[in-house]
Amino acid sequence: MTLELYREELALTAAALAAPGSGLLAADESTATIGKRFEAIGLDNTEANRRAYRTLLATTAGLAEHVSGVILYEETLFQDSDVIAVDPLAAAARSSGNGAPLVELFQRQGIIPGIKVDLGVEPLAGALPGESWCTGLKGLGDRAARYYARGARFAKWRAVLRISSEGCPSELAVRENAWGLARYARTVQEHGLVPIVEPEILMDGDHDIATTASVQEWVLRTVYEALAINGVFLEGSLLKPSMTTAGAECLQRPSSEEVGEFTLRTLVRTVPAAVPAILFLSGGLSEEDASVCLNAINAAAAQPAAPWHLGFSFGRALQHSCLNAWGGTNVAAGQAALLARARANGAASRGTYVVGSEPSDDSSLFVANYNY
């Protein structure tokens, strides 16, 4: 019954996140993962440096023209900046800098805050070696209520599946992860948060694009069956899938046009039209390749028009150049790089991106067995 209290709000939030020409900034890296990113630019992984970097993201002028929402890590949701608070009285007793909450800085721009709520993956007993299930259901309702009170309006849960010649994914892994996604989605909806459902199929492997498409269709059908059984309100939910492409070690590299055509075919066969938006993860593609492939998906979806907004939910493919340009001190350069990639992906979400029209780092961002 609790879901009914939020039904209208959930639909409005999902629609706002599905604004044309927009997507999400996935800034939900764990403390350990952001530490690896900082190490690459010679920066210590301290709370002050994490706060400074996240403040850079939250104060990038014009970001809301292309980014409708931001996925935060729990630390960030409850972290305060050094930026002066709108209400100085509200800054009393703040823990870090006596400034405005970072979540407020995003809100000032019109960017909707969200929160990563899963607690990471663990080996799945009874499944094939390397297969996992996602943890975090215990106590999720209480956490979701606390996140909502802090200002979050959507949530994200990442399930991880892999394709291998040893038979992955197994039936057990697909069903377990689909059920976990469904239980999470129903739980957070009952506390006012729009669930982003993320069944990621890793790029690891040498399988071709046709194999990816076949597995992805199976996974998505199973996920939406589980969502239906759990009574998830589809109009108040979003999907974050992998793009349909070949494994990273496949010698036959598909063109961006093939990625667009296979991805659209997969979605048309499996995703209900009631879902407002499909926001793709970049999955280790380079910044430029992620934009080009997203553009190709939207080009393929133009005739006939797809029933969903096809946008982005990129982490590395939005932040890589930004981090390098910032380097710990150059805020203006970091923000310029972030805005350039946001513009590129905003255009790609409309199918109007011109290859190379925005500066980017075209180095591969693929990390084997990626976990954050």
Protein backbone atom coordinates (compact mmCIF):
# COMPACT_ATOMS: atom_id res chain seq x y z
CA MET A 1 0.00 0.00 0.00
CA THR A 2 2.89 2.38 0.66
CA LEU A 3 3.73 2.54 -3.03
CA GLU A 4 0.34 4.17 -3.71
CA LEU A 5 1.37 7.15 -1.58
CA TYR A 6 4.24 7.87 -3.96
CA ARG A 7 2.86 6.72 -7.30
CA GLU A 8 2.31 10.19 -8.78
CA GLU A 9 5.64 11.51 -7.47
CA LEU A 10 7.51 8.49 -8.82
CA ALA A 11 6.05 9.02 -12.29
CA LEU A 12 6.92 12.73 -12.23
CA THR A 13 10.50 12.06 -11.09
CA ALA A 14 11.02 9.37 -13.72
CA ALA A 15 9.68 11.69 -16.40
CA ALA A 16 12.02 14.48 -15.28
CA LEU A 17 15.00 12.12 -15.41
CA ALA A 18 13.90 11.14 -18.93
CA ALA A 19 14.05 14.71 -20.26
CA PRO A 20 14.97 14.84 -23.99
CA GLY A 21 18.66 15.33 -24.68
CA SER A 22 19.69 14.38 -21.16
CA GLY A 23 21.12 11.59 -19.05
CA LEU A 24 22.70 10.89 -15.70
CA LEU A 25 26.11 11.59 -14.23
CA ALA A 26 27.10 8.39 -12.42
CA ALA A 27 29.28 9.73 -9.60
CA ASP A 28 28.67 6.83 -7.23
CA GLU A 29 32.21 5.45 -7.06
CA SER A 30 33.07 3.90 -3.72
CA THR A 31 35.83 5.36 -1.59
CA ALA A 32 38.20 2.63 -2.78
CA THR A 33 37.37 3.16 -6.46
CA ILE A 34 37.71 6.93 -6.39
CA GLY A 35 41.01 6.32 -4.66
CA LYS A 36 42.24 4.45 -7.74
CA ARG A 37 41.13 7.36 -9.95
CA PHE A 38 42.95 9.83 -7.68
CA GLU A 39 46.07 7.67 -7.67
CA ALA A 40 46.18 7.90 -11.46
CA ILE A 41 46.46 11.70 -11.20
CA GLY A 42 48.82 11.67 -8.21
CA LEU A 43 46.25 12.72 -5.62
CA ASP A 44 45.76 11.36 -2.10
CA ASN A 45 42.42 9.72 -1.35
CA THR A 46 41.35 12.01 1.50
CA GLU A 47 37.89 13.19 2.50
CA ALA A 48 38.92 16.75 1.65
CA ASN A 49 40.00 15.80 -1.88
CA ARG A 50 36.86 13.74 -2.45
CA ARG A 51 34.77 16.68 -1.25
CA ALA A 52 36.66 19.10 -3.51
CA TYR A 53 36.18 16.92 -6.57
CA ARG A 54 32.49 16.37 -5.91
CA THR A 55 32.04 20.09 -5.35
CA LEU A 56 33.58 20.63 -8.79
CA LEU A 57 30.93 18.34 -10.28
CA ALA A 58 28.07 19.97 -8.36
CA THR A 59 29.02 23.54 -9.33
CA THR A 60 29.64 23.06 -13.06
CA ALA A 61 27.54 25.84 -14.59
CA GLY A 62 25.27 24.66 -17.41
CA LEU A 63 25.53 20.97 -16.53
CA ALA A 64 21.78 20.71 -16.00
CA GLU A 65 21.21 21.46 -19.69
CA HIS A 66 22.44 17.94 -20.44
CA VAL A 67 22.36 16.08 -17.10
CA SER A 68 18.99 15.52 -15.45
CA GLY A 69 20.20 13.55 -12.43
CA VAL A 70 23.31 12.48 -10.56
CA ILE A 71 23.92 9.13 -8.85
CA LEU A 72 25.80 9.64 -5.59
CA TYR A 73 27.70 7.43 -3.19
CA GLU A 74 26.37 7.50 0.38
CA GLU A 75 29.30 9.60 1.60
CA THR A 76 28.51 12.23 -1.01
CA LEU A 77 24.80 12.35 -0.21
CA PHE A 78 25.62 13.27 3.39
CA GLN A 79 28.75 15.31 2.62
CA ASP A 80 28.93 19.09 3.01
CA SER A 81 30.87 21.39 0.71
CA ASP A 82 32.92 24.53 1.28
CA VAL A 83 30.34 26.53 -0.70
CA ILE A 84 28.35 28.98 1.40
CA ALA A 85 24.93 27.64 2.33
CA VAL A 86 21.81 29.42 1.12
CA ASP A 87 20.61 29.47 4.73
CA PRO A 88 23.61 30.20 7.00
CA LEU A 89 21.68 28.91 10.02
CA ALA A 90 21.39 25.54 8.32
CA ALA A 91 25.18 25.32 8.19
CA ALA A 92 25.51 25.05 11.95
CA ALA A 93 27.30 21.92 13.14
CA ARG A 94 28.17 20.75 9.65
CA SER A 95 31.00 18.24 9.60
CA SER A 96 33.13 19.30 6.66
CA GLY A 97 33.57 22.92 5.73
CA ASN A 98 30.39 24.35 7.25
CA GLY A 99 29.08 24.80 3.73
CA ALA A 100 26.00 23.79 1.81
CA PRO A 101 25.33 20.06 1.45
CA LEU A 102 26.60 18.73 -1.86
CA VAL A 103 23.13 17.41 -2.56
CA GLU A 104 21.85 20.98 -2.29
CA LEU A 105 24.39 22.24 -4.81
CA PHE A 106 23.09 19.77 -7.39
CA GLN A 107 19.51 20.70 -6.54
CA ARG A 108 20.27 24.42 -7.04
CA GLN A 109 21.18 23.59 -10.65
CA GLY A 110 18.02 21.59 -11.19
CA ILE A 111 19.82 18.25 -11.14
CA ILE A 112 17.92 15.50 -9.30
CA PRO A 113 20.03 13.64 -6.72
CA GLY A 114 20.01 9.84 -6.60
CA ILE A 115 21.83 7.24 -4.55
CA LYS A 116 23.57 3.90 -5.10
CA VAL A 117 21.88 1.52 -2.66
CA ASP A 118 23.36 -1.91 -3.39
CA LEU A 119 26.20 -3.08 -1.14
CA GLY A 120 28.22 -4.83 -3.81
CA VAL A 121 28.42 -8.35 -5.20
CA GLU A 122 29.38 -11.64 -3.57
CA PRO A 123 30.00 -15.11 -5.05
CA LEU A 124 26.74 -16.92 -5.78
CA ALA A 125 26.64 -20.34 -4.12
CA GLY A 126 25.63 -23.11 -6.52
CA ALA A 127 26.41 -21.08 -9.62
CA LEU A 128 29.34 -21.28 -12.01
CA PRO A 129 32.76 -19.97 -10.94
CA GLY A 130 32.92 -16.19 -11.14
CA GLU A 131 29.16 -15.65 -10.95
CA SER A 132 27.76 -13.32 -8.31
CA TRP A 133 24.66 -11.97 -6.66
CA CYS A 134 24.12 -8.43 -5.38
CA THR A 135 23.76 -7.71 -1.67
CA GLY A 136 21.98 -4.98 0.24
CA LEU A 137 18.32 -5.96 0.61
CA LYS A 138 18.49 -6.27 4.40
CA GLY A 139 17.60 -2.91 5.92
CA LEU A 140 17.07 -1.35 2.48
CA GLY A 141 13.69 0.14 3.39
CA ASP A 142 15.13 2.02 6.36
CA ARG A 143 18.07 3.26 4.30
CA ALA A 144 15.79 4.35 1.48
CA ALA A 145 13.67 6.40 3.88
CA ARG A 146 16.80 8.11 5.23
CA TYR A 147 18.06 8.84 1.71
CA TYR A 148 14.70 10.30 0.70
CA ALA A 149 14.73 12.57 3.75
CA ARG A 150 18.18 13.82 2.73
CA GLY A 151 16.94 14.75 -0.76
CA ALA A 152 17.52 11.68 -2.96
CA ARG A 153 14.68 10.95 -5.35
CA PHE A 154 15.95 7.91 -7.20
CA ALA A 155 18.14 4.89 -6.49
CA LYS A 156 20.43 2.51 -8.36
CA TRP A 157 21.17 -1.19 -7.91
CA ARG A 158 23.76 -2.94 -10.09
CA ALA A 159 23.56 -6.65 -10.81
CA VAL A 160 26.50 -8.16 -12.69
CA LEU A 161 26.38 -10.97 -15.24
CA ARG A 162 29.07 -12.34 -17.51
CA ILE A 163 29.22 -14.31 -20.75
CA SER A 164 31.78 -17.11 -21.04
CA SER A 165 32.51 -20.27 -22.96
CA GLU A 166 32.07 -22.15 -19.66
CA GLY A 167 28.32 -21.55 -19.77
CA CYS A 168 27.91 -18.19 -18.08
CA PRO A 169 25.49 -16.80 -17.33
CA SER A 170 23.79 -19.74 -15.69
CA GLU A 171 20.04 -19.99 -15.19
CA LEU A 172 20.62 -19.59 -11.46
CA ALA A 173 22.64 -16.39 -11.86
CA VAL A 174 20.12 -14.81 -14.24
CA ARG A 175 17.14 -15.61 -12.03
CA GLU A 176 18.84 -14.65 -8.76
CA ASN A 177 19.97 -11.29 -10.09
CA ALA A 178 16.61 -10.56 -11.73
CA TRP A 179 14.82 -11.32 -8.46
CA GLY A 180 17.22 -9.14 -6.48
CA LEU A 181 16.62 -6.25 -8.86
CA ALA A 182 12.87 -6.69 -8.52
CA ARG A 183 12.92 -6.85 -4.71
CA TYR A 184 15.10 -3.74 -4.59
CA ALA A 185 12.88 -1.86 -7.05
CA ARG A 186 9.69 -2.57 -5.15
CA THR A 187 11.30 -1.72 -1.81
CA VAL A 188 12.65 1.69 -2.80
CA GLN A 189 9.43 2.64 -4.60
CA GLU A 190 7.60 2.15 -1.32
CA HIS A 191 9.85 4.87 0.13
CA GLY A 192 9.54 7.37 -2.71
CA LEU A 193 12.63 6.55 -4.76
CA VAL A 194 12.53 5.81 -8.49
CA PRO A 195 14.51 2.59 -9.03
CA ILE A 196 17.11 2.38 -11.75
CA VAL A 197 17.27 -1.29 -12.69
CA GLU A 198 20.80 -2.18 -13.84
CA PRO A 199 21.44 -5.71 -15.12
CA GLU A 200 24.96 -5.14 -16.42
CA ILE A 201 26.46 -7.69 -18.77
CA LEU A 202 30.22 -7.24 -18.55
CA MET A 203 32.26 -6.71 -21.71
CA ASP A 204 34.78 -9.34 -20.57
CA GLY A 205 35.17 -12.18 -23.07
CA ASP A 206 35.62 -12.91 -26.76
CA HIS A 207 31.97 -13.47 -27.68
CA ASP A 208 30.49 -11.74 -30.72
CA ILE A 209 27.67 -9.20 -30.78
CA ALA A 210 25.04 -11.79 -31.75
CA THR A 211 25.87 -13.80 -28.62
CA THR A 212 25.58 -10.68 -26.46
CA ALA A 213 22.19 -9.91 -28.00
CA SER A 214 20.86 -13.40 -27.34
CA VAL A 215 21.96 -13.38 -23.70
CA GLN A 216 20.76 -9.84 -23.13
CA GLU A 217 17.29 -10.65 -24.44
CA TRP A 218 17.09 -13.57 -22.01
CA VAL A 219 18.28 -11.43 -19.11
CA LEU A 220 15.91 -8.54 -19.80
CA ARG A 221 12.89 -10.81 -20.28
CA THR A 222 13.66 -12.47 -16.95
CA VAL A 223 14.13 -9.11 -15.21
CA TYR A 224 10.80 -7.73 -16.39
CA GLU A 225 9.03 -10.95 -15.45
CA ALA A 226 10.41 -10.56 -11.91
CA LEU A 227 9.44 -6.87 -11.81
CA ALA A 228 5.88 -7.80 -12.77
CA ILE A 229 5.62 -10.50 -10.10
CA ASN A 230 6.75 -7.96 -7.49
CA GLY A 231 4.29 -5.32 -8.62
CA VAL A 232 6.90 -2.74 -9.59
CA PHE A 233 5.36 0.45 -11.01
CA LEU A 234 7.03 0.63 -14.43
CA GLU A 235 6.10 4.27 -15.13
CA GLY A 236 8.09 5.15 -12.02
CA SER A 237 11.18 3.14 -12.91
CA LEU A 238 14.15 3.36 -15.31
CA LEU A 239 16.40 0.79 -16.99
CA LYS A 240 20.21 1.02 -17.12
CA PRO A 241 21.47 -1.74 -19.44
CA SER A 242 24.70 -2.38 -21.25
CA MET A 243 24.84 -1.45 -24.91
CA THR A 244 24.64 -4.55 -27.07
CA THR A 245 28.16 -5.05 -28.35
CA ALA A 246 30.84 -7.71 -28.65
CA GLY A 247 33.13 -8.86 -25.86
CA ALA A 248 36.27 -6.82 -25.35
CA GLU A 249 38.46 -9.62 -26.71
CA CYS A 250 36.37 -10.36 -29.80
CA LEU A 251 38.42 -9.90 -32.96
CA GLN A 252 35.34 -8.97 -35.00
CA ARG A 253 34.64 -5.47 -33.72
CA PRO A 254 31.11 -4.30 -34.56
CA SER A 255 30.64 -0.86 -36.04
CA SER A 256 28.72 1.76 -34.09
CA GLU A 257 25.84 1.28 -36.53
CA GLU A 258 25.73 -2.43 -35.71
CA VAL A 259 25.76 -1.62 -31.99
CA GLY A 260 22.84 0.74 -32.55
CA GLU A 261 20.82 -1.77 -34.56
CA PHE A 262 21.44 -4.75 -32.25
CA THR A 263 20.78 -2.68 -29.12
CA LEU A 264 17.50 -1.32 -30.43
CA ARG A 265 16.33 -4.77 -31.58
CA THR A 266 17.13 -6.21 -28.15
CA LEU A 267 15.18 -3.49 -26.35
CA VAL A 268 12.16 -3.63 -28.66
CA ARG A 269 11.89 -7.36 -27.99
CA THR A 270 12.10 -7.13 -24.21
CA VAL A 271 11.39 -3.74 -22.56
CA PRO A 272 7.80 -2.58 -21.94
CA ALA A 273 6.83 0.76 -23.48
CA ALA A 274 5.65 1.91 -20.03
CA VAL A 275 9.28 2.43 -18.95
CA PRO A 276 10.01 6.17 -19.44
CA ALA A 277 13.72 5.93 -20.21
CA ILE A 278 16.58 3.58 -20.94
CA LEU A 279 19.85 5.10 -19.77
CA PHE A 280 22.88 3.17 -20.99
CA LEU A 281 26.04 2.46 -19.03
CA SER A 282 29.28 2.95 -20.92
CA GLY A 283 30.75 -0.38 -19.80
CA GLY A 284 34.37 0.50 -20.41
CA LEU A 285 33.99 2.14 -23.82
CA SER A 286 36.16 5.19 -24.38
CA GLU A 287 34.57 8.61 -23.94
CA GLU A 288 34.22 9.13 -27.68
CA ASP A 289 33.08 5.57 -28.47
CA ALA A 290 30.38 5.77 -25.78
CA SER A 291 29.00 8.95 -27.36
CA VAL A 292 29.21 7.58 -30.90
CA CYS A 293 27.44 4.33 -29.97
CA LEU A 294 24.72 6.19 -28.03
CA ASN A 295 24.21 8.39 -31.06
CA ALA A 296 23.92 5.31 -33.28
CA ILE A 297 21.29 3.80 -30.97
CA ASN A 298 19.20 6.95 -31.22
CA ALA A 299 19.69 7.10 -34.98
CA ALA A 300 18.41 3.53 -35.24
CA ALA A 301 15.48 4.40 -32.96
CA ALA A 302 14.36 7.41 -35.00
CA GLN A 303 12.44 5.45 -37.65
CA PRO A 304 10.06 4.39 -36.26
CA ALA A 305 10.33 6.42 -33.07
CA ALA A 306 11.17 4.34 -29.99
CA PRO A 307 8.69 4.51 -27.08
CA TRP A 308 11.41 5.40 -24.53
CA HIS A 309 13.92 8.18 -24.06
CA LEU A 310 17.33 6.67 -24.89
CA GLY A 311 19.92 8.49 -22.81
CA PHE A 312 23.06 7.87 -20.81
CA SER A 313 24.14 7.07 -17.29
CA PHE A 314 27.89 7.35 -17.65
CA GLY A 315 30.58 7.40 -15.00
CA ARG A 316 34.02 6.94 -16.52
CA ALA A 317 32.87 8.15 -19.95
CA LEU A 318 31.82 11.49 -18.43
CA GLN A 319 34.53 11.93 -15.81
CA HIS A 320 37.80 10.62 -17.27
CA SER A 321 38.88 13.82 -19.03
CA CYS A 322 37.41 15.88 -16.21
CA LEU A 323 39.59 14.19 -13.59
CA ASN A 324 42.72 14.49 -15.71
CA ALA A 325 42.10 18.16 -16.47
CA TRP A 326 41.34 18.96 -12.83
CA GLY A 327 44.39 17.20 -11.45
CA GLY A 328 43.45 18.25 -7.94
CA THR A 329 43.73 22.01 -8.50
CA ASN A 330 42.41 23.25 -11.85
CA VAL A 331 38.67 23.49 -11.24
CA ALA A 332 37.94 25.52 -14.39
CA ALA A 333 39.68 23.00 -16.66
CA GLY A 334 37.94 20.07 -14.98
CA GLN A 335 34.53 21.67 -15.33
CA ALA A 336 35.16 22.55 -18.97
CA ALA A 337 36.06 18.93 -19.73
CA LEU A 338 32.99 17.63 -17.88
CA LEU A 339 30.71 20.03 -19.71
CA ALA A 340 32.19 19.05 -23.07
CA ARG A 341 31.37 15.38 -22.54
CA ALA A 342 27.93 16.27 -21.16
CA ARG A 343 27.22 18.27 -24.32
CA ALA A 344 28.42 15.39 -26.47
CA ASN A 345 26.19 12.87 -24.76
CA GLY A 346 23.24 15.23 -24.64
CA ALA A 347 23.50 15.53 -28.42
CA ALA A 348 23.96 11.76 -28.75
CA SER A 349 20.74 11.28 -26.77
CA ARG A 350 18.98 13.12 -29.59
CA GLY A 351 20.91 11.34 -32.35
CA THR A 352 22.61 14.59 -33.41
CA TYR A 353 26.18 14.11 -32.17
CA VAL A 354 28.90 14.88 -34.71
CA VAL A 355 31.92 12.64 -34.24
CA GLY A 356 34.87 14.55 -32.82
CA SER A 357 32.90 17.75 -32.29
CA GLU A 358 33.71 17.84 -28.58
CA PRO A 359 37.12 17.24 -26.97
CA SER A 360 37.58 13.78 -25.52
CA ASP A 361 40.13 11.21 -24.46
CA ASP A 362 39.74 8.26 -26.82
CA SER A 363 41.72 5.80 -24.68
CA SER A 364 39.93 2.62 -23.66
CA LEU A 365 38.31 2.71 -20.21
CA PHE A 366 37.78 -1.04 -20.09
CA VAL A 367 38.66 -2.70 -16.79
CA ALA A 368 38.38 -6.51 -16.61
CA ASN A 369 35.81 -7.79 -14.11
CA TYR A 370 34.90 -4.19 -13.24
CA ASN A 371 33.72 -3.63 -9.69
CA TYR A 372 33.18 -0.38 -7.85
